[in-house]
Amino acid sequence: MSGTTGRSTGIHLHFSILLNGVYVDPEPFLLGEKKIKESIPSPASGKGDVDGDGDIDGRDYLLAKLAVLGILELTEEQMDAADVNGDGEINALDYLIIRRAAQGTFEIK
């Protein structure tokens, strides 16, 4: 497949990012100049439950992983829930504990 779109010619991928129906320029996010800030309407309900839905599942460990990688900025409540080892920071150990809890191989107390 080939063609032209704007200034591009030949084979290429074109996509748009919309937030509430408004175009968002992805370049600052791709360059690391901006971060995605997750907005969760309810506070996290407990340790490991980063998204506050009452369960520790794949979404929780994904949020923790993105926070550890510096891609996602968590709210204060989410940071408290993600800091499962209580050392005051979100790091790879927290992510691994949340992942194991989501898989059912570890219980967070």
Protein backbone atom coordinates (compact mmCIF):
# COMPACT_ATOMS: atom_id res chain seq x y z
CA MET A 1 0.00 0.00 0.00
CA SER A 2 1.33 3.43 -0.79
CA GLY A 3 0.05 6.95 -1.12
CA THR A 4 0.41 10.41 0.30
CA THR A 5 -0.92 12.04 3.44
CA GLY A 6 0.16 15.55 4.25
CA ARG A 7 3.95 15.65 3.94
CA SER A 8 4.37 11.85 4.00
CA THR A 9 4.78 9.76 0.88
CA GLY A 10 5.09 6.04 0.34
CA ILE A 11 4.24 3.44 2.96
CA HIS A 12 3.52 5.00 6.33
CA LEU A 13 1.25 4.85 9.35
CA HIS A 14 -1.02 7.71 10.27
CA PHE A 15 -2.98 7.84 13.52
CA SER A 16 -4.71 10.44 15.63
CA ILE A 17 -5.12 10.59 19.39
CA LEU A 18 -8.34 12.08 20.68
CA LEU A 19 -9.13 12.95 24.29
CA ASN A 20 -12.83 13.67 24.80
CA GLY A 21 -13.12 14.28 21.06
CA VAL A 22 -10.23 16.77 20.93
CA TYR A 23 -7.02 16.03 18.98
CA VAL A 24 -3.95 15.58 21.21
CA ASP A 25 -0.44 15.91 19.79
CA PRO A 26 1.38 12.67 20.77
CA GLU A 27 4.90 14.02 20.17
CA PRO A 28 5.51 15.40 23.72
CA PHE A 29 4.51 12.00 25.17
CA LEU A 30 6.67 10.06 22.70
CA LEU A 31 9.65 12.30 23.48
CA GLY A 32 9.12 11.94 27.23
CA GLU A 33 8.37 15.63 27.70
CA LYS A 34 4.92 14.87 29.13
CA LYS A 35 3.51 11.98 31.13
CA ILE A 36 0.08 10.45 31.22
CA LYS A 37 -1.63 11.25 34.49
CA GLU A 38 -4.11 8.57 35.44
CA SER A 39 -7.32 9.90 36.90
CA ILE A 40 -9.26 7.48 39.07
CA PRO A 41 -12.54 8.75 40.53
CA SER A 42 -12.35 6.79 43.77
CA PRO A 43 -9.35 6.38 46.07
CA ALA A 44 -7.50 3.09 46.08
CA SER A 45 -9.11 0.74 48.59
CA GLY A 46 -6.04 -1.07 49.89
CA LYS A 47 -2.44 -2.10 49.39
CA GLY A 48 -1.91 -3.45 45.89
CA ASP A 49 -5.29 -2.19 44.62
CA VAL A 50 -3.80 0.68 42.62
CA ASP A 51 -6.91 1.36 40.54
CA GLY A 52 -9.22 1.29 43.59
CA ASP A 53 -11.73 -1.20 42.18
CA GLY A 54 -11.56 -3.56 45.17
CA ASP A 55 -9.50 -6.25 43.42
CA ILE A 56 -5.80 -6.77 42.80
CA ASP A 57 -5.59 -7.70 39.14
CA GLY A 58 -3.71 -7.10 35.89
CA ARG A 59 -4.72 -3.45 35.74
CA ASP A 60 -3.10 -2.83 39.12
CA TYR A 61 0.23 -4.33 38.16
CA LEU A 62 0.14 -2.55 34.80
CA LEU A 63 -0.36 0.81 36.57
CA ALA A 64 2.47 -0.03 39.00
CA LYS A 65 4.77 -1.05 36.13
CA LEU A 66 4.07 2.17 34.19
CA ALA A 67 4.75 4.19 37.35
CA VAL A 68 8.05 2.37 37.98
CA LEU A 69 9.09 3.03 34.37
CA GLY A 70 8.26 6.73 34.79
CA ILE A 71 5.58 6.67 32.11
CA LEU A 72 2.62 7.22 34.42
CA GLU A 73 2.19 9.66 37.28
CA LEU A 74 0.01 8.15 40.02
CA THR A 75 -2.26 10.07 42.36
CA GLU A 76 -1.32 10.20 46.05
CA GLU A 77 -3.90 7.49 46.86
CA GLN A 78 -2.60 5.27 44.06
CA MET A 79 1.00 5.76 45.22
CA ASP A 80 0.01 4.69 48.73
CA ALA A 81 -1.70 1.57 47.35
CA ALA A 82 1.23 0.76 45.04
CA ASP A 83 3.83 1.06 47.83
CA VAL A 84 3.05 -2.43 49.09
CA ASN A 85 6.34 -2.92 50.95
CA GLY A 86 5.95 0.41 52.78
CA ASP A 87 9.38 1.85 51.98
CA GLY A 88 7.95 5.18 50.79
CA GLU A 89 8.65 4.71 47.08
CA ILE A 90 7.22 2.79 44.14
CA ASN A 91 9.86 0.48 42.71
CA ALA A 92 10.34 -2.86 40.97
CA LEU A 93 9.80 -4.79 44.21
CA ASP A 94 6.34 -3.25 44.63
CA TYR A 95 5.51 -4.09 41.01
CA LEU A 96 6.62 -7.71 41.43
CA ILE A 97 4.59 -8.13 44.64
CA ILE A 98 1.47 -6.68 42.99
CA ARG A 99 1.99 -8.92 39.95
CA ARG A 100 2.28 -12.03 42.12
CA ALA A 101 -0.80 -10.99 44.12
CA ALA A 102 -2.76 -10.53 40.88
CA GLN A 103 -1.65 -13.99 39.76
CA GLY A 104 -2.78 -15.46 43.09
CA THR A 105 0.69 -16.62 44.17
CA PHE A 106 1.19 -14.05 46.95
CA GLU A 107 -1.06 -12.45 49.54
CA ILE A 108 -0.50 -8.80 50.48
CA LYS A 109 -1.18 -8.22 54.18
